[in-house]
Amino acid sequence: MENKQSPAANVSPATAVVLGALAPGVNGATWNTLKSTFVMLGLCLAVMLGLTFSSGDSLLMLHVAFLVVIAVSLFLLLNWFLAQTGLVTIERQMQELDLMPNDHSR
């Protein structure tokens, strides 16, 4: 008996992110990439907020604080949306893009 692997088992994380951008739904690799992007954004905004506190410019502090509020609300809304829709497997996204045959197409 031959041991066949699905084409989705050989998909790299970068390819999975591209599939996540093109196909409906969010796969795990795309979600992990998005979370790490938000962590880096949070780190940059924290450094900016620290620099504005050291400069003492209140208008700049208000501006950066508003950027932090926007980033946090966007991340919370994305978490809520993903909790409502759920993750999609890479196999399903490949089937949606006709890169892999559907199970019911016999």
C-alpha atoms as a PDB file:
ATOM      1  CA  MET A   1       0.000   0.000   0.000  1.00  0.00           C
ATOM      2  CA  GLU A   2       1.288   3.411  -0.943  1.00  0.00           C
ATOM      3  CA  ASN A   3       1.439   6.119   1.716  1.00  0.00           C
ATOM      4  CA  LYS A   4       0.140   9.313   0.075  1.00  0.00           C
ATOM      5  CA  GLN A   5       0.505  12.659   1.785  1.00  0.00           C
ATOM      6  CA  SER A   6      -1.822  15.502   0.968  1.00  0.00           C
ATOM      7  CA  PRO A   7      -0.314  18.464  -0.899  1.00  0.00           C
ATOM      8  CA  ALA A   8      -1.172  20.660   2.092  1.00  0.00           C
ATOM      9  CA  ALA A   9       1.265  18.705   4.270  1.00  0.00           C
ATOM     10  CA  ASN A  10       4.153  20.067   2.184  1.00  0.00           C
ATOM     11  CA  VAL A  11       3.079  23.721   2.351  1.00  0.00           C
ATOM     12  CA  SER A  12       5.635  26.102   3.865  1.00  0.00           C
ATOM     13  CA  PRO A  13       4.505  28.741   6.381  1.00  0.00           C
ATOM     14  CA  ALA A  14       5.152  31.529   3.850  1.00  0.00           C
ATOM     15  CA  THR A  15       2.965  29.772   1.277  1.00  0.00           C
ATOM     16  CA  ALA A  16       0.300  29.255   3.939  1.00  0.00           C
ATOM     17  CA  VAL A  17       0.272  33.008   4.635  1.00  0.00           C
ATOM     18  CA  VAL A  18      -0.128  33.734   0.905  1.00  0.00           C
ATOM     19  CA  LEU A  19      -2.956  31.186   0.726  1.00  0.00           C
ATOM     20  CA  GLY A  20      -4.516  32.906   3.754  1.00  0.00           C
ATOM     21  CA  ALA A  21      -4.427  36.218   1.921  1.00  0.00           C
ATOM     22  CA  LEU A  22      -5.989  34.846  -1.260  1.00  0.00           C
ATOM     23  CA  ALA A  23      -8.532  32.315  -0.011  1.00  0.00           C
ATOM     24  CA  PRO A  24     -11.562  32.861   2.220  1.00  0.00           C
ATOM     25  CA  GLY A  25     -10.974  32.358   5.930  1.00  0.00           C
ATOM     26  CA  VAL A  26      -7.923  32.608   8.173  1.00  0.00           C
ATOM     27  CA  ASN A  27      -5.478  29.740   8.579  1.00  0.00           C
ATOM     28  CA  GLY A  28      -3.212  29.191  11.572  1.00  0.00           C
ATOM     29  CA  ALA A  29      -0.027  30.434   9.897  1.00  0.00           C
ATOM     30  CA  THR A  30      -1.691  33.676   8.819  1.00  0.00           C
ATOM     31  CA  TRP A  31      -3.067  34.243  12.307  1.00  0.00           C
ATOM     32  CA  ASN A  32       0.348  33.626  13.916  1.00  0.00           C
ATOM     33  CA  THR A  33       1.954  36.068  11.471  1.00  0.00           C
ATOM     34  CA  LEU A  34      -0.697  38.660  12.248  1.00  0.00           C
ATOM     35  CA  LYS A  35      -0.224  38.233  16.006  1.00  0.00           C
ATOM     36  CA  SER A  36       3.554  38.626  15.714  1.00  0.00           C
ATOM     37  CA  THR A  37       3.029  41.743  13.589  1.00  0.00           C
ATOM     38  CA  PHE A  38       0.834  43.214  16.305  1.00  0.00           C
ATOM     39  CA  VAL A  39       3.462  42.372  18.937  1.00  0.00           C
ATOM     40  CA  MET A  40       6.073  44.269  16.918  1.00  0.00           C
ATOM     41  CA  LEU A  41       3.642  47.167  16.449  1.00  0.00           C
ATOM     42  CA  GLY A  42       3.015  47.220  20.201  1.00  0.00           C
ATOM     43  CA  LEU A  43       6.752  47.247  20.872  1.00  0.00           C
ATOM     44  CA  CYS A  44       7.272  50.177  18.484  1.00  0.00           C
ATOM     45  CA  LEU A  45       4.360  52.099  19.975  1.00  0.00           C
ATOM     46  CA  ALA A  46       5.643  51.458  23.510  1.00  0.00           C
ATOM     47  CA  VAL A  47       9.054  52.867  22.552  1.00  0.00           C
ATOM     48  CA  MET A  48       7.373  55.852  20.900  1.00  0.00           C
ATOM     49  CA  LEU A  49       5.231  56.430  23.984  1.00  0.00           C
ATOM     50  CA  GLY A  50       8.306  56.271  26.210  1.00  0.00           C
ATOM     51  CA  LEU A  51      10.113  58.782  24.021  1.00  0.00           C
ATOM     52  CA  THR A  52       7.172  61.164  24.065  1.00  0.00           C
ATOM     53  CA  PHE A  53       7.002  61.010  27.866  1.00  0.00           C
ATOM     54  CA  SER A  54      10.691  61.849  28.041  1.00  0.00           C
ATOM     55  CA  SER A  55      10.252  64.793  25.650  1.00  0.00           C
ATOM     56  CA  GLY A  56       7.376  66.254  27.645  1.00  0.00           C
ATOM     57  CA  ASP A  57       5.347  67.299  24.584  1.00  0.00           C
ATOM     58  CA  SER A  58       1.711  66.771  25.601  1.00  0.00           C
ATOM     59  CA  LEU A  59       0.321  66.990  22.067  1.00  0.00           C
ATOM     60  CA  LEU A  60       2.724  64.292  20.889  1.00  0.00           C
ATOM     61  CA  MET A  61       1.799  62.120  23.894  1.00  0.00           C
ATOM     62  CA  LEU A  62      -1.867  62.466  22.994  1.00  0.00           C
ATOM     63  CA  HIS A  63      -1.145  61.539  19.381  1.00  0.00           C
ATOM     64  CA  VAL A  64       0.845  58.401  20.262  1.00  0.00           C
ATOM     65  CA  ALA A  65      -1.717  57.402  22.908  1.00  0.00           C
ATOM     66  CA  PHE A  66      -4.410  57.649  20.235  1.00  0.00           C
ATOM     67  CA  LEU A  67      -2.317  55.390  17.962  1.00  0.00           C
ATOM     68  CA  VAL A  68      -2.060  52.874  20.809  1.00  0.00           C
ATOM     69  CA  VAL A  69      -5.849  52.950  21.272  1.00  0.00           C
ATOM     70  CA  ILE A  70      -6.358  52.366  17.544  1.00  0.00           C
ATOM     71  CA  ALA A  71      -3.918  49.426  17.495  1.00  0.00           C
ATOM     72  CA  VAL A  72      -5.418  47.807  20.603  1.00  0.00           C
ATOM     73  CA  SER A  73      -8.976  48.179  19.334  1.00  0.00           C
ATOM     74  CA  LEU A  74      -8.028  46.730  15.946  1.00  0.00           C
ATOM     75  CA  PHE A  75      -6.371  43.731  17.600  1.00  0.00           C
ATOM     76  CA  LEU A  76      -9.391  43.162  19.857  1.00  0.00           C
ATOM     77  CA  LEU A  77     -11.784  43.400  16.919  1.00  0.00           C
ATOM     78  CA  LEU A  78      -9.697  40.904  14.930  1.00  0.00           C
ATOM     79  CA  ASN A  79      -9.719  38.509  17.897  1.00  0.00           C
ATOM     80  CA  TRP A  80     -13.491  38.860  18.197  1.00  0.00           C
ATOM     81  CA  PHE A  81     -13.978  38.299  14.462  1.00  0.00           C
ATOM     82  CA  LEU A  82     -11.795  35.197  14.489  1.00  0.00           C
ATOM     83  CA  ALA A  83     -13.641  33.849  17.524  1.00  0.00           C
ATOM     84  CA  GLN A  84     -16.901  34.237  15.576  1.00  0.00           C
ATOM     85  CA  THR A  85     -15.661  32.669  12.326  1.00  0.00           C
ATOM     86  CA  GLY A  86     -12.990  30.216  13.466  1.00  0.00           C
ATOM     87  CA  LEU A  87      -9.809  29.070  11.790  1.00  0.00           C
ATOM     88  CA  VAL A  88      -9.795  27.385   8.391  1.00  0.00           C
ATOM     89  CA  THR A  89      -7.416  24.582   7.483  1.00  0.00           C
ATOM     90  CA  ILE A  90      -4.872  25.027   4.729  1.00  0.00           C
ATOM     91  CA  GLU A  91      -6.424  22.054   2.913  1.00  0.00           C
ATOM     92  CA  ARG A  92      -9.772  23.843   2.795  1.00  0.00           C
ATOM     93  CA  GLN A  93      -8.167  27.013   1.444  1.00  0.00           C
ATOM     94  CA  MET A  94      -6.350  25.030  -1.223  1.00  0.00           C
ATOM     95  CA  GLN A  95      -9.650  23.427  -2.225  1.00  0.00           C
ATOM     96  CA  GLU A  96     -11.272  26.877  -2.429  1.00  0.00           C
ATOM     97  CA  LEU A  97      -8.524  28.020  -4.812  1.00  0.00           C
ATOM     98  CA  ASP A  98      -8.731  24.748  -6.821  1.00  0.00           C
ATOM     99  CA  LEU A  99      -5.143  23.852  -5.940  1.00  0.00           C
ATOM    100  CA  MET A 100      -6.256  20.534  -4.474  1.00  0.00           C
ATOM    101  CA  PRO A 101      -9.153  18.324  -5.604  1.00  0.00           C
ATOM    102  CA  ASN A 102     -12.332  18.458  -3.544  1.00  0.00           C
ATOM    103  CA  ASP A 103     -13.372  15.331  -1.658  1.00  0.00           C
ATOM    104  CA  HIS A 104     -16.862  15.376  -3.154  1.00  0.00           C
ATOM    105  CA  SER A 105     -15.770  15.767  -6.813  1.00  0.00           C
ATOM    106  CA  ARG A 106     -15.764  12.032  -7.616  1.00  0.00           C
END
